[in-house]
């Protein structure tokens, strides 16, 4: 089989794999969003009590809980809420307010929990009402769109009239320039977003590391993945509420150990969004994309100028 036949087959396989990965990642998110929309429109409000709290299992969302639902008409049943309760740790026996599906009473979303102090009322848990589709779009759909764009360029070069081939070939190096620019914009956006988040973290508390482990990160150096060290933190607010969830950032250098005491900074209005003081994410997640982005921009721009110069002469 000649190279002219092998390359299109390989490229088709890569494209099919990318489409499959995108669909596989988006379908659960879209299904969860549909379920939450249904509860928003048709959910039946009820009260209940937290029956049991499931282990955190290193979740970025929070604990899954089993609640005993009371419908106010003498009926009660157990149901499981997997939303994570926005990162709050709601203990067994805590009264809660929730909504459940009228067609499937075991489909529930706990929305408010009683404050620990007797008679202090209920506080909103701020569970994410609808699954956030943003990360899936950025991580999956954006690379897929790039592959489709590159496929269109290659197809134009194969199928376009001969007089167009030179123009299409000249456009291909610009793809590297676009990739490099996108990497730099992504790094700058993350840095700006982190700075804006830290400005809102004006309150402090003492927390405890409850779990720590090692994962393979997304950054490669010398052909190997750089390891990161996620961890989960538990801390208590002045009014008795508890937060227990995975720290939103991972680090290549910041390693913690179980039962380590840490200083937590959080947003008083949304305390489940917190950062740990003295946390350093490490430079690999920033320096490597910047180096790759600048390299792609230089290569793409240089090759494009070479094509234009040779075509003009």
Protein backbone atom coordinates (compact mmCIF):
# COMPACT_ATOMS: atom_id res chain seq x y z
CA UNK A 1 0.00 0.00 0.00
CA UNK A 2 1.49 3.33 -1.06
CA UNK A 3 2.10 6.30 1.19
CA UNK A 4 -0.58 8.27 -0.67
CA UNK A 5 -3.16 5.76 0.58
CA UNK A 6 -1.78 5.23 4.09
CA UNK A 7 -1.70 8.90 5.12
CA UNK A 8 -5.40 9.59 4.34
CA UNK A 9 -6.37 6.43 6.23
CA UNK A 10 -4.29 7.43 9.26
CA UNK A 11 -5.70 10.96 9.20
CA UNK A 12 -9.25 9.62 8.92
CA UNK A 13 -8.64 7.35 11.91
CA UNK A 14 -7.35 10.30 13.96
CA UNK A 15 -10.38 12.39 13.00
CA UNK A 16 -12.85 9.59 13.85
CA UNK A 17 -11.13 9.06 17.21
CA UNK A 18 -11.37 12.79 17.96
CA UNK A 19 -15.09 12.84 17.07
CA UNK A 20 -15.72 9.76 19.24
CA UNK A 21 -13.86 11.33 22.19
CA UNK A 22 -15.80 14.57 21.83
CA UNK A 23 -19.17 12.80 21.71
CA UNK A 24 -18.27 10.52 24.63
CA UNK A 25 -17.29 13.52 26.76
CA UNK A 26 -20.22 15.73 25.82
CA UNK A 27 -23.07 13.19 26.09
CA UNK A 28 -22.91 12.79 29.92
CA UNK A 29 -22.67 16.57 30.36
CA UNK A 30 -25.66 17.19 28.11
CA UNK A 31 -27.64 14.43 29.85
CA UNK A 32 -26.94 15.95 33.25
CA UNK A 33 -27.93 19.42 32.02
CA UNK A 34 -31.21 17.97 30.70
CA UNK A 35 -31.96 16.32 34.05
CA UNK A 36 -31.26 19.55 35.93
CA UNK A 37 -33.47 21.57 33.58
CA UNK A 38 -36.27 19.07 34.16
CA UNK A 39 -35.94 19.48 37.94
CA UNK A 40 -35.94 23.27 37.51
CA UNK A 41 -39.23 23.15 35.58
CA UNK A 42 -41.12 20.28 37.13
CA UNK A 43 -39.35 19.37 40.38
CA UNK A 44 -41.52 18.76 43.45
CA UNK A 45 -40.28 20.52 46.58
CA UNK A 46 -39.93 18.44 49.74
CA UNK A 47 -37.95 18.16 52.94
CA UNK A 48 -35.71 15.44 54.19
CA UNK A 49 -32.78 14.42 56.37
CA UNK A 50 -29.28 13.40 55.37
CA UNK A 51 -29.19 9.67 55.99
CA UNK A 52 -25.57 8.96 55.07
CA UNK A 53 -22.55 10.76 53.61
CA UNK A 54 -20.56 8.85 51.03
CA UNK A 55 -16.74 8.99 50.92
CA UNK A 56 -15.33 11.92 48.97
CA UNK A 57 -13.45 9.69 46.50
CA UNK A 58 -11.23 12.60 45.44
CA UNK A 59 -14.15 14.38 43.81
CA UNK A 60 -13.81 18.01 42.68
CA UNK A 61 -17.52 18.53 43.41
CA UNK A 62 -17.97 17.20 46.95
CA UNK A 63 -19.66 14.38 48.81
CA UNK A 64 -22.46 12.25 47.41
CA UNK A 65 -25.21 11.86 50.03
CA UNK A 66 -28.16 9.59 50.63
CA UNK A 67 -31.19 11.50 51.91
CA UNK A 68 -34.41 10.33 53.50
CA UNK A 69 -37.13 12.26 51.69
CA UNK A 70 -40.44 13.18 53.35
CA UNK A 71 -43.22 14.35 51.05
CA UNK A 72 -45.42 15.84 53.79
CA UNK A 73 -48.12 13.21 53.29
CA UNK A 74 -46.66 10.51 55.48
CA UNK A 75 -44.54 8.92 52.78
CA UNK A 76 -40.76 8.69 52.91
CA UNK A 77 -38.01 7.05 50.85
CA UNK A 78 -34.26 7.12 50.34
CA UNK A 79 -32.66 8.83 47.35
CA UNK A 80 -29.08 9.64 46.33
CA UNK A 81 -27.86 13.12 45.38
CA UNK A 82 -24.62 12.99 43.39
CA UNK A 83 -24.29 16.76 42.84
CA UNK A 84 -21.63 17.10 45.54
CA UNK A 85 -23.68 19.76 47.38
CA UNK A 86 -21.43 22.44 45.96
CA UNK A 87 -18.49 21.26 48.10
CA UNK A 88 -20.18 21.53 51.51
CA UNK A 89 -19.94 18.64 53.95
CA UNK A 90 -23.46 18.14 55.34
CA UNK A 91 -23.45 15.69 58.22
CA UNK A 92 -25.83 12.80 58.86
CA UNK A 93 -29.07 13.86 60.51
CA UNK A 94 -29.04 17.37 59.03
CA UNK A 95 -32.47 18.57 57.84
CA UNK A 96 -32.45 19.60 54.17
CA UNK A 97 -34.74 21.11 51.55
CA UNK A 98 -34.76 19.47 48.13
CA UNK A 99 -36.58 18.94 44.87
CA UNK A 100 -37.36 15.56 43.33
CA UNK A 101 -38.67 14.40 39.99
CA UNK A 102 -42.45 13.80 39.90
CA UNK A 103 -41.93 10.76 37.69
CA UNK A 104 -38.85 9.35 39.46
CA UNK A 105 -38.83 10.28 43.17
CA UNK A 106 -35.30 8.88 43.50
CA UNK A 107 -33.98 11.65 41.25
CA UNK A 108 -33.32 14.46 43.74
CA UNK A 109 -31.28 17.63 44.17
CA UNK A 110 -30.61 18.92 47.68
CA UNK A 111 -30.73 22.72 47.58
CA UNK A 112 -30.57 23.93 51.19
CA UNK A 113 -29.32 22.52 54.49
CA UNK A 114 -29.93 23.54 58.08
CA UNK A 115 -27.20 25.54 59.79
CA UNK A 116 -25.54 23.71 62.70
CA UNK A 117 -26.83 26.18 65.31
CA UNK A 118 -30.40 25.32 66.43
CA UNK A 119 -32.99 27.62 64.91
CA UNK A 120 -30.43 29.38 62.69
CA UNK A 121 -32.32 28.56 59.52
CA UNK A 122 -31.17 27.06 56.23
CA UNK A 123 -28.34 28.04 53.92
CA UNK A 124 -28.12 27.52 50.15
CA UNK A 125 -25.70 24.82 49.05
CA UNK A 126 -25.15 26.39 45.63
CA UNK A 127 -24.97 23.10 43.78
CA UNK A 128 -24.20 23.64 40.14
CA UNK A 129 -27.70 23.68 38.75
CA UNK A 130 -26.59 22.70 35.28
CA UNK A 131 -23.49 20.80 34.33
CA UNK A 132 -20.86 23.21 33.08
CA UNK A 133 -20.31 22.58 29.41
CA UNK A 134 -17.47 25.09 29.13
CA UNK A 135 -14.55 22.78 30.02
CA UNK A 136 -15.82 20.09 27.67
CA UNK A 137 -16.01 22.61 24.83
CA UNK A 138 -12.52 23.94 25.49
CA UNK A 139 -10.86 20.56 26.03
CA UNK A 140 -12.66 18.52 23.40
CA UNK A 141 -14.54 20.61 20.85
CA UNK A 142 -11.79 23.19 20.26
CA UNK A 143 -9.19 20.57 19.23
CA UNK A 144 -11.85 18.87 17.13
CA UNK A 145 -12.59 22.12 15.29
CA UNK A 146 -8.88 22.51 14.65
CA UNK A 147 -8.70 18.99 13.18
CA UNK A 148 -11.69 19.72 10.99
CA UNK A 149 -10.08 22.95 9.80
CA UNK A 150 -6.83 21.17 8.97
CA UNK A 151 -8.77 18.39 7.24
CA UNK A 152 -10.53 21.00 5.10
CA UNK A 153 -7.18 22.50 4.09
CA UNK A 154 -5.76 19.10 3.17
CA UNK A 155 -8.93 18.24 1.26
CA UNK A 156 -8.74 21.50 -0.65
CA UNK A 157 -5.18 20.74 -1.63
CA UNK A 158 -6.17 17.30 -2.91
CA UNK A 159 -9.40 18.29 -4.66
CA UNK A 160 -8.93 21.94 -5.60
CA UNK A 161 -7.84 23.00 -9.11
CA UNK A 162 -4.04 23.02 -9.64
CA UNK A 163 -3.87 26.82 -9.61
CA UNK A 164 -5.26 26.80 -6.02
CA UNK A 165 -2.77 24.30 -4.62
CA UNK A 166 -0.06 26.86 -4.00
CA UNK A 167 -2.46 29.10 -2.11
CA UNK A 168 -3.65 26.23 0.09
CA UNK A 169 -0.07 25.11 0.78
CA UNK A 170 0.83 28.64 1.85
CA UNK A 171 -2.04 28.60 4.37
CA UNK A 172 -0.97 25.40 6.16
CA UNK A 173 1.96 26.99 8.08
CA UNK A 174 -0.47 29.57 9.41
CA UNK A 175 -2.13 26.74 11.33
CA UNK A 176 0.97 26.52 13.53
CA UNK A 177 0.81 30.27 14.12
CA UNK A 178 -2.84 29.94 15.16
CA UNK A 179 -2.02 27.07 17.54
CA UNK A 180 0.79 29.06 19.14
CA UNK A 181 -1.42 32.11 19.53
CA UNK A 182 -4.19 30.02 21.08
CA UNK A 183 -1.74 28.53 23.61
CA UNK A 184 -0.49 31.97 24.65
CA UNK A 185 -4.04 33.32 24.95
CA UNK A 186 -5.02 30.29 27.05
CA UNK A 187 -2.10 30.78 29.45
CA UNK A 188 -2.81 34.51 29.74
CA UNK A 189 -6.50 33.84 30.35
CA UNK A 190 -5.77 31.34 33.13
CA UNK A 191 -3.33 33.73 34.79
CA UNK A 192 -5.82 36.62 34.65
CA UNK A 193 -8.65 34.42 35.92
CA UNK A 194 -6.54 33.20 38.85
CA UNK A 195 -5.66 36.78 39.79
CA UNK A 196 -9.32 37.85 39.72
CA UNK A 197 -10.32 34.85 41.85
CA UNK A 198 -7.66 35.60 44.48
CA UNK A 199 -8.93 39.17 44.85
CA UNK A 200 -12.29 37.80 46.03
CA UNK A 201 -10.69 35.48 48.60
CA UNK A 202 -10.68 37.87 51.56
CA UNK A 203 -11.51 35.50 54.44
CA UNK A 204 -9.24 32.93 56.07
CA UNK A 205 -9.65 29.66 57.95
CA UNK A 206 -7.48 26.80 59.11
CA UNK A 207 -7.94 23.62 57.10
CA UNK A 208 -6.72 20.04 57.13
CA UNK A 209 -5.49 17.99 54.18
CA UNK A 210 -7.59 14.81 54.14
CA UNK A 211 -6.12 13.06 51.09
CA UNK A 212 -3.26 13.52 48.65
CA UNK A 213 -2.09 11.52 45.66
CA UNK A 214 -0.11 11.66 42.42
CA UNK A 215 -1.54 11.95 38.92
CA UNK A 216 -0.10 12.24 35.43
CA UNK A 217 -0.66 15.79 34.24
CA UNK A 218 -1.40 17.12 30.76
CA UNK A 219 2.06 18.64 30.22
CA UNK A 220 4.86 16.62 28.58
CA UNK A 221 8.58 17.27 29.09
CA UNK A 222 11.19 15.17 27.27
CA UNK A 223 8.45 12.84 26.08
CA UNK A 224 7.18 12.13 29.60
CA UNK A 225 4.14 13.43 31.41
CA UNK A 226 4.81 15.76 34.30
CA UNK A 227 3.26 14.48 37.53
CA UNK A 228 0.94 16.67 39.59
CA UNK A 229 -0.09 16.27 43.22
CA UNK A 230 -3.80 16.94 43.91
CA UNK A 231 -5.19 17.03 47.44
CA UNK A 232 -8.47 17.47 49.30
CA UNK A 233 -9.04 19.97 52.11
CA UNK A 234 -11.56 20.18 54.95
CA UNK A 235 -12.22 23.37 56.90
CA UNK A 236 -14.94 24.86 59.05
CA UNK A 237 -16.56 28.30 58.70
CA UNK A 238 -17.31 30.59 61.65
CA UNK A 239 -21.04 29.73 61.52
CA UNK A 240 -20.33 26.01 61.72
CA UNK A 241 -20.68 25.10 58.05
CA UNK A 242 -18.08 22.67 56.73
CA UNK A 243 -16.34 22.56 53.37
CA UNK A 244 -14.68 19.41 52.09
CA UNK A 245 -13.59 19.10 48.49
CA UNK A 246 -10.63 18.75 46.19
CA UNK A 247 -8.44 21.81 45.75
CA UNK A 248 -9.27 23.24 42.32
CA UNK A 249 -5.59 23.57 41.27
CA UNK A 250 -2.91 20.93 40.95
CA UNK A 251 0.80 21.42 41.29
CA UNK A 252 4.01 19.90 40.02
CA UNK A 253 5.97 21.01 43.10
CA UNK A 254 3.51 21.61 45.95
CA UNK A 255 3.19 18.31 47.84
CA UNK A 256 1.04 17.91 50.92
CA UNK A 257 0.54 15.08 53.37
CA UNK A 258 -2.55 13.74 55.11
CA UNK A 259 -3.47 15.65 58.31
CA UNK A 260 -1.30 18.61 57.31
CA UNK A 261 -2.66 21.91 58.61
CA UNK A 262 -3.01 24.61 55.93
CA UNK A 263 -4.24 28.20 55.81
CA UNK A 264 -7.23 28.53 53.50
CA UNK A 265 -8.35 31.75 51.82
CA UNK A 266 -11.93 31.81 50.54
CA UNK A 267 -14.66 34.02 49.12
CA UNK A 268 -17.07 34.87 52.00
CA UNK A 269 -20.01 34.75 49.59
CA UNK A 270 -18.98 31.41 48.10
CA UNK A 271 -16.67 29.73 50.64
CA UNK A 272 -16.50 26.45 48.74
CA UNK A 273 -14.31 28.28 46.22
CA UNK A 274 -11.05 28.52 48.09
CA UNK A 275 -7.30 28.52 47.67
CA UNK A 276 -4.53 27.39 49.98
CA UNK A 277 -1.97 29.95 51.09
CA UNK A 278 1.62 29.29 49.97
CA UNK A 279 0.29 26.99 47.25
CA UNK A 280 2.53 27.02 44.18
CA UNK A 281 1.29 25.38 40.98
CA UNK A 282 4.81 25.07 39.60
CA UNK A 283 6.14 26.47 36.37
CA UNK A 284 5.75 23.44 34.11
CA UNK A 285 2.06 24.13 33.45
CA UNK A 286 2.88 27.70 32.36
CA UNK A 287 6.41 27.70 30.98
CA UNK A 288 6.00 24.67 28.71
CA UNK A 289 2.84 25.97 26.92
CA UNK A 290 4.48 29.39 26.52
CA UNK A 291 7.62 27.86 25.00
CA UNK A 292 5.56 25.64 22.70
CA UNK A 293 3.27 28.53 21.75
CA UNK A 294 6.15 30.89 20.92
CA UNK A 295 7.90 28.12 18.98
CA UNK A 296 4.78 27.41 16.92
CA UNK A 297 4.31 31.11 16.17
CA UNK A 298 7.92 31.51 15.05
CA UNK A 299 7.89 28.36 12.92
CA UNK A 300 4.52 29.13 11.31
CA UNK A 301 5.40 32.74 10.59
CA UNK A 302 8.87 31.89 9.26
CA UNK A 303 7.63 29.15 6.91
CA UNK A 304 4.77 31.35 5.71
CA UNK A 305 7.20 34.18 4.90
CA UNK A 306 9.49 31.73 3.10
CA UNK A 307 6.58 30.50 0.95
CA UNK A 308 5.47 34.03 0.16
CA UNK A 309 9.04 35.12 -0.68
CA UNK A 310 9.68 32.14 -2.91
CA UNK A 311 6.30 32.59 -4.60
CA UNK A 312 6.94 36.30 -5.18
CA UNK A 313 10.35 35.74 -6.73
